[in-house]
Amino acid sequence: MARPANPTTASDGYREAPGDGETLLRSGLSLRHMRMIVALDDHGRVSAAAQVLNISQPAASRMIAEMEAVLEVRLCERLPRGITLTPYGKALARRARSILLEMREVDREISELKAGKGGSVFLGAVTAPAIELAVPAIREIRRIYPRIEITMQVETSNVLARELIATRHDFIIARIPDDLNPRLFESRVIGVEKACLIVRRGHPLTRGSVVRLEDTAAYDWVFQSGGSPLRQAMESNFLNRNIALPDRILNTSSLLLTLVMVAQSDAIAPVSVQVAKFIQNPDGLAGAIDVVQTEFDIEVRPYSLITVRNRALSPAAKMLHDFILREVG
């Protein structure tokens, strides 16, 4: 394939002029090319990618053709609705994410130095270590470096791992999902999560002695999604005891919705012990929520401190990452 002889013009919504600081490689690929392939990977439509880059759809199509001419490979295939990246396109998108992340870190660090800030960190965590590890670590780091800016997302491991790959987090405290290649990550196990069952204050299950698992099956349940480790651990308890799984289930990843459902009905929900301790605090929901005393344990898969392999952390992110690592010994 021959490389296009003339750049598109500003009237097309996209212009790549020599010496404009965008060109990254001898091949002629640029930061805008990197942004385009990532947008195509994220959205699967040329129109959506064009909107992300704030250019017209014809200009986006020309940019794709230009990338394919430069690399002499087909990067995407047209589908009845949208596009799909070829193996070449997926390889370029993966590398492009790393390049854009590094450029974001450069901009971020320079801006922070100009503003005199202590840096910024983006992390994610599943609920138990968010309460037990991340919040105390953030509090201590902020005490030492009061101007550091920290953004934390609390979600399921499936969501967090994909956000990490997409460069939206510096690191996460979670579990590597079964459907992702573990070789993408660097991880270190730092804790084991135990869980318990919570119900509203005055629930029938709190009136007697220790509760058996079969006593719970007739009630409504609030679960995380089917792939979550806590859901799997709870269902294993039922299956291992030859007890039928509950029929009436609300699925949600929202801890707030879980607590509301439990507090306002006879529903049962499994939560981490750390969450249960927090909501039983006299300053919290102690008047609305009780922990069920059960004859069985609920043990969830260990969680890990996870980064993307071969992706460097910013100084601020490394400081928080290493602080958490030291705290768990």
Protein backbone atom coordinates (compact mmCIF):
# COMPACT_ATOMS: atom_id res chain seq x y z
CA MET A 1 0.00 0.00 0.00
CA ALA A 2 1.21 3.49 -0.75
CA ARG A 3 1.12 6.20 1.85
CA PRO A 4 -1.33 9.05 1.04
CA ALA A 5 0.55 11.84 -0.67
CA ASN A 6 -1.34 14.78 0.79
CA PRO A 7 -2.54 15.40 4.34
CA THR A 8 -6.21 16.17 4.84
CA THR A 9 -7.05 19.78 5.40
CA ALA A 10 -8.47 21.65 8.34
CA SER A 11 -11.82 21.90 6.55
CA ASP A 12 -12.09 18.08 6.82
CA GLY A 13 -11.84 18.33 10.59
CA TYR A 14 -8.43 16.61 10.67
CA ARG A 15 -4.99 17.90 9.61
CA GLU A 16 -1.59 16.28 10.11
CA ALA A 17 1.06 18.82 9.19
CA PRO A 18 4.82 18.16 9.21
CA GLY A 19 6.54 19.54 12.27
CA ASP A 20 3.36 19.96 14.34
CA GLY A 21 4.76 17.83 17.17
CA GLU A 22 2.24 14.99 16.65
CA THR A 23 4.42 12.52 14.76
CA LEU A 24 5.67 9.75 17.03
CA LEU A 25 7.35 7.18 14.82
CA ARG A 26 9.43 7.04 11.64
CA SER A 27 6.46 5.29 10.07
CA GLY A 28 4.46 8.49 10.44
CA LEU A 29 2.00 7.38 13.13
CA SER A 30 0.95 10.15 15.49
CA LEU A 31 -0.80 10.77 18.77
CA ARG A 32 -4.04 11.36 16.89
CA HIS A 33 -3.64 7.95 15.27
CA MET A 34 -3.16 6.46 18.72
CA ARG A 35 -6.30 8.17 19.99
CA MET A 36 -8.27 6.99 16.95
CA ILE A 37 -7.38 3.29 17.29
CA VAL A 38 -8.17 3.36 21.02
CA ALA A 39 -11.51 5.07 20.35
CA LEU A 40 -12.34 2.43 17.73
CA ASP A 41 -11.45 -0.33 20.19
CA ASP A 42 -13.59 1.26 22.92
CA HIS A 43 -16.69 2.05 20.86
CA GLY A 44 -16.69 -0.26 17.82
CA ARG A 45 -18.06 2.47 15.53
CA VAL A 46 -16.33 4.97 13.29
CA SER A 47 -18.99 7.59 14.06
CA ALA A 48 -18.44 7.25 17.83
CA ALA A 49 -14.65 7.39 17.42
CA ALA A 50 -15.03 10.53 15.30
CA GLN A 51 -17.14 12.12 18.02
CA VAL A 52 -14.51 11.30 20.66
CA LEU A 53 -11.83 13.00 18.52
CA ASN A 54 -14.18 15.87 17.61
CA ILE A 55 -13.79 15.35 13.86
CA SER A 56 -16.20 14.44 11.07
CA GLN A 57 -16.94 10.81 10.20
CA PRO A 58 -15.39 11.13 6.70
CA ALA A 59 -12.24 12.57 8.29
CA ALA A 60 -12.16 9.64 10.71
CA SER A 61 -12.46 7.18 7.81
CA ARG A 62 -9.58 8.92 6.03
CA MET A 63 -7.49 8.73 9.20
CA ILE A 64 -8.10 4.97 9.40
CA ALA A 65 -7.13 4.59 5.74
CA GLU A 66 -3.97 6.60 6.41
CA MET A 67 -2.98 4.35 9.35
CA GLU A 68 -3.55 1.26 7.21
CA ALA A 69 -1.45 2.76 4.42
CA VAL A 70 1.37 3.60 6.82
CA LEU A 71 1.42 0.12 8.40
CA GLU A 72 0.43 -1.77 5.22
CA VAL A 73 -2.10 -3.92 7.10
CA ARG A 74 -5.87 -3.92 7.57
CA LEU A 75 -6.71 -2.55 11.03
CA CYS A 76 -10.48 -3.04 11.09
CA GLU A 77 -13.26 -4.89 9.33
CA ARG A 78 -16.66 -3.40 8.54
CA LEU A 79 -19.70 -5.12 10.07
CA PRO A 80 -23.41 -4.54 9.40
CA ARG A 81 -23.34 -2.43 12.57
CA GLY A 82 -20.00 -0.86 13.34
CA ILE A 83 -16.52 -2.34 12.97
CA THR A 84 -14.27 -4.92 14.62
CA LEU A 85 -10.51 -4.63 14.95
CA THR A 86 -8.32 -7.18 13.20
CA PRO A 87 -5.44 -8.80 15.16
CA TYR A 88 -3.23 -6.01 13.78
CA GLY A 89 -5.70 -3.40 15.01
CA LYS A 90 -5.92 -4.98 18.45
CA ALA A 91 -2.12 -5.07 18.75
CA LEU A 92 -1.90 -1.40 17.79
CA ALA A 93 -4.72 -0.47 20.21
CA ARG A 94 -2.98 -2.23 23.09
CA ARG A 95 0.30 -0.39 22.44
CA ALA A 96 -1.53 2.88 21.83
CA ARG A 97 -3.11 2.73 25.30
CA SER A 98 0.32 2.48 26.88
CA ILE A 99 1.64 5.39 24.82
CA LEU A 100 -1.35 7.60 25.67
CA LEU A 101 -1.05 6.69 29.35
CA GLU A 102 2.59 7.75 29.40
CA MET A 103 1.72 11.03 27.67
CA ARG A 104 -1.09 11.59 30.20
CA GLU A 105 1.39 11.00 33.02
CA VAL A 106 3.82 13.52 31.50
CA ASP A 107 1.09 16.16 31.29
CA ARG A 108 -0.13 15.33 34.78
CA GLU A 109 3.27 15.46 36.45
CA ILE A 110 4.26 18.71 34.74
CA SER A 111 0.94 20.34 35.62
CA GLU A 112 1.28 19.21 39.22
CA LEU A 113 4.81 20.56 39.43
CA LYS A 114 3.62 23.89 38.07
CA ALA A 115 0.76 24.01 40.59
CA GLY A 116 2.91 22.86 43.50
CA LYS A 117 0.69 19.84 44.15
CA GLY A 118 1.87 16.54 45.55
CA GLY A 119 0.67 14.46 42.59
CA SER A 120 -2.45 12.46 41.81
CA VAL A 121 -3.43 8.80 41.98
CA PHE A 122 -6.26 6.80 40.41
CA LEU A 123 -7.01 3.48 42.09
CA GLY A 124 -9.82 0.97 42.37
CA ALA A 125 -10.72 -1.54 45.06
CA VAL A 126 -13.33 -4.13 45.92
CA THR A 127 -15.30 -3.24 49.01
CA ALA A 128 -13.51 -5.11 51.81
CA PRO A 129 -9.94 -3.91 51.13
CA ALA A 130 -11.28 -0.47 50.24
CA ILE A 131 -12.50 -0.16 53.84
CA GLU A 132 -9.72 -2.10 55.54
CA LEU A 133 -6.64 -1.04 53.52
CA ALA A 134 -7.22 1.74 51.01
CA VAL A 135 -9.06 4.25 53.21
CA PRO A 136 -6.55 4.07 56.13
CA ALA A 137 -3.64 4.30 53.64
CA ILE A 138 -5.19 7.30 51.89
CA ARG A 139 -5.80 9.00 55.23
CA GLU A 140 -2.16 8.53 56.26
CA ILE A 141 -0.73 9.59 52.90
CA ARG A 142 -2.92 12.71 52.91
CA ARG A 143 -1.65 13.53 56.40
CA ILE A 144 1.95 13.44 55.16
CA TYR A 145 1.27 14.94 51.71
CA PRO A 146 -1.88 17.06 52.12
CA ARG A 147 -1.94 18.26 48.52
CA ILE A 148 -1.95 14.85 46.87
CA GLU A 149 -5.13 14.22 44.84
CA ILE A 150 -6.58 10.69 45.05
CA THR A 151 -9.50 9.27 43.08
CA MET A 152 -10.85 5.85 44.12
CA GLN A 153 -13.51 3.65 42.49
CA VAL A 154 -15.16 0.88 44.51
CA GLU A 155 -16.49 -1.83 42.17
CA THR A 156 -16.35 -5.52 41.35
CA SER A 157 -13.08 -7.12 40.20
CA ASN A 158 -14.46 -7.63 36.68
CA VAL A 159 -15.06 -3.91 36.26
CA LEU A 160 -11.86 -2.80 37.98
CA ALA A 161 -9.55 -5.08 35.99
CA ARG A 162 -10.92 -3.76 32.71
CA GLU A 163 -10.65 -0.17 33.91
CA LEU A 164 -7.02 -0.89 34.82
CA ILE A 165 -6.27 -2.29 31.35
CA ALA A 166 -7.97 0.75 29.82
CA THR A 167 -5.49 2.98 31.75
CA ARG A 168 -8.21 4.54 33.91
CA HIS A 169 -6.51 3.32 37.11
CA ASP A 170 -2.90 3.27 38.27
CA PHE A 171 -3.45 0.10 40.29
CA ILE A 172 -6.28 -1.85 41.89
CA ILE A 173 -6.92 -4.02 44.95
CA ALA A 174 -9.05 -6.82 43.59
CA ARG A 175 -8.91 -10.24 41.96
CA ILE A 176 -7.87 -11.04 38.39
CA PRO A 177 -11.06 -12.19 36.58
CA ASP A 178 -11.02 -15.72 35.19
CA ASP A 179 -11.71 -14.50 31.65
CA LEU A 180 -8.65 -12.22 31.49
CA ASN A 181 -5.09 -13.34 30.75
CA PRO A 182 -3.18 -13.20 34.09
CA ARG A 183 0.03 -12.48 32.15
CA LEU A 184 -1.29 -8.96 31.54
CA PHE A 185 -0.82 -8.16 35.22
CA GLU A 186 1.64 -8.02 38.07
CA SER A 187 -0.13 -9.08 41.26
CA ARG A 188 0.60 -9.90 44.87
CA VAL A 189 -1.88 -11.51 47.25
CA ILE A 190 -2.32 -9.20 50.25
CA GLY A 191 -5.44 -10.41 52.06
CA VAL A 192 -8.22 -12.96 52.50
CA GLU A 193 -11.82 -11.81 52.65
CA LYS A 194 -14.36 -13.32 55.06
CA ALA A 195 -18.05 -12.63 54.69
CA CYS A 196 -21.24 -12.83 56.74
CA LEU A 197 -24.98 -12.44 56.27
CA ILE A 198 -26.82 -9.24 57.17
CA VAL A 199 -30.54 -8.65 57.74
CA ARG A 200 -32.71 -5.86 59.10
CA ARG A 201 -33.00 -5.31 62.85
CA GLY A 202 -35.84 -7.53 64.16
CA HIS A 203 -35.60 -10.04 61.29
CA PRO A 204 -37.03 -13.53 62.11
CA LEU A 205 -33.56 -15.09 61.71
CA THR A 206 -32.21 -13.01 64.61
CA ARG A 207 -34.78 -14.24 67.15
CA GLY A 208 -33.46 -17.73 67.75
CA SER A 209 -30.10 -19.45 68.08
CA VAL A 210 -27.46 -20.05 65.45
CA VAL A 211 -28.95 -20.10 61.94
CA ARG A 212 -28.53 -23.06 59.59
CA LEU A 213 -28.10 -22.44 55.87
CA GLU A 214 -31.32 -24.28 55.01
CA ASP A 215 -33.20 -21.80 57.22
CA THR A 216 -32.27 -18.98 54.83
CA ALA A 217 -33.36 -20.41 51.48
CA ALA A 218 -37.00 -19.28 51.75
CA TYR A 219 -36.12 -15.57 52.04
CA ASP A 220 -35.34 -12.98 49.37
CA TRP A 221 -31.62 -12.52 48.73
CA VAL A 222 -29.55 -9.59 47.48
CA PHE A 223 -26.48 -10.79 45.57
CA GLN A 224 -23.69 -9.32 43.53
CA SER A 225 -23.52 -10.42 39.90
CA GLY A 226 -23.09 -14.09 39.07
CA GLY A 227 -19.35 -13.88 38.45
CA SER A 228 -18.40 -12.17 41.71
CA PRO A 229 -16.28 -14.18 44.18
CA LEU A 230 -18.68 -13.42 47.06
CA ARG A 231 -21.65 -14.72 45.03
CA GLN A 232 -19.68 -17.83 44.06
CA ALA A 233 -18.62 -18.48 47.66
CA MET A 234 -22.22 -18.20 48.90
CA GLU A 235 -23.61 -20.44 46.16
CA SER A 236 -20.89 -23.03 46.88
CA ASN A 237 -22.15 -23.19 50.46
CA PHE A 238 -25.62 -24.13 49.18
CA LEU A 239 -24.38 -26.64 46.61
CA ASN A 240 -21.89 -28.33 48.94
CA ARG A 241 -24.73 -28.97 51.43
CA ASN A 242 -27.18 -30.16 48.76
CA ILE A 243 -29.51 -27.25 49.52
CA ALA A 244 -31.49 -25.66 46.69
CA LEU A 245 -30.32 -22.21 45.70
CA PRO A 246 -32.63 -19.30 46.62
CA ASP A 247 -35.34 -18.55 44.04
CA ARG A 248 -35.95 -14.87 44.76
CA ILE A 249 -32.81 -12.85 44.04
CA LEU A 250 -32.03 -9.20 43.37
CA ASN A 251 -28.70 -8.76 41.56
CA THR A 252 -26.80 -5.53 42.16
CA SER A 253 -23.21 -4.36 42.57
CA SER A 254 -24.37 -1.34 44.60
CA LEU A 255 -23.65 -1.59 48.32
CA LEU A 256 -26.04 1.30 48.99
CA LEU A 257 -28.93 -0.47 47.22
CA THR A 258 -28.05 -3.69 49.06
CA LEU A 259 -28.29 -1.93 52.43
CA VAL A 260 -31.57 -0.23 51.52
CA MET A 261 -33.14 -3.51 50.42
CA VAL A 262 -32.01 -5.28 53.58
CA ALA A 263 -33.11 -2.47 55.90
CA GLN A 264 -36.57 -2.23 54.33
CA SER A 265 -37.50 -5.90 53.83
CA ASP A 266 -36.81 -9.44 55.04
CA ALA A 267 -34.08 -9.87 52.40
CA ILE A 268 -30.71 -11.41 53.28
CA ALA A 269 -27.39 -10.23 51.81
CA PRO A 270 -23.85 -11.59 52.07
CA VAL A 271 -21.28 -8.84 52.65
CA SER A 272 -17.66 -8.76 53.76
CA VAL A 273 -17.01 -8.81 57.49
CA GLN A 274 -15.31 -5.41 57.13
CA VAL A 275 -18.49 -3.92 55.67
CA ALA A 276 -20.60 -5.50 58.42
CA LYS A 277 -18.36 -4.03 61.14
CA PHE A 278 -18.56 -0.60 59.56
CA ILE A 279 -22.36 -0.53 59.26
CA GLN A 280 -22.76 -1.80 62.83
CA ASN A 281 -20.81 1.18 64.12
CA PRO A 282 -22.99 3.26 66.48
CA ASP A 283 -22.52 6.22 64.16
CA GLY A 284 -23.60 4.20 61.13
CA LEU A 285 -26.55 1.88 60.47
CA ALA A 286 -26.43 -0.05 63.73
CA GLY A 287 -30.08 0.70 64.38
CA ALA A 288 -31.18 -0.82 61.07
CA ILE A 289 -28.88 -3.75 60.28
CA ASP A 290 -27.96 -6.95 62.14
CA VAL A 291 -25.44 -9.71 61.41
CA VAL A 292 -26.86 -13.23 61.34
CA GLN A 293 -25.05 -15.72 63.58
CA THR A 294 -24.55 -18.75 61.30
CA GLU A 295 -23.21 -22.23 61.79
CA PHE A 296 -21.24 -21.99 58.54
CA ASP A 297 -18.39 -19.79 57.30
CA ILE A 298 -18.27 -17.81 54.06
CA GLU A 299 -14.73 -17.54 52.72
CA VAL A 300 -14.01 -15.61 49.53
CA ARG A 301 -10.99 -15.87 47.22
CA PRO A 302 -7.95 -13.80 48.33
CA TYR A 303 -7.52 -10.34 46.85
CA SER A 304 -4.33 -8.88 45.41
CA LEU A 305 -2.54 -5.61 44.75
CA ILE A 306 -2.57 -5.48 40.94
CA THR A 307 -0.79 -3.39 38.31
CA VAL A 308 -0.44 -3.81 34.54
CA ARG A 309 2.76 -5.61 33.57
CA ASN A 310 5.50 -3.29 32.27
CA ARG A 311 3.49 -0.14 33.00
CA ALA A 312 5.36 2.31 35.23
CA LEU A 313 3.54 4.01 38.11
CA SER A 314 3.73 7.76 38.60
CA PRO A 315 5.69 8.85 41.71
CA ALA A 316 2.48 9.59 43.64
CA ALA A 317 0.84 6.29 42.64
CA LYS A 318 3.97 4.31 43.51
CA MET A 319 4.10 6.00 46.90
CA LEU A 320 0.52 4.92 47.77
CA HIS A 321 1.03 1.46 46.22
CA ASP A 322 4.19 0.85 48.26
CA PHE A 323 2.59 2.22 51.44
CA ILE A 324 -0.26 -0.32 51.17
CA LEU A 325 2.27 -3.08 50.49
CA ARG A 326 4.25 -2.18 53.61
CA GLU A 327 1.09 -2.07 55.75
CA VAL A 328 0.13 -5.64 54.86
CA GLY A 329 3.65 -6.83 55.59
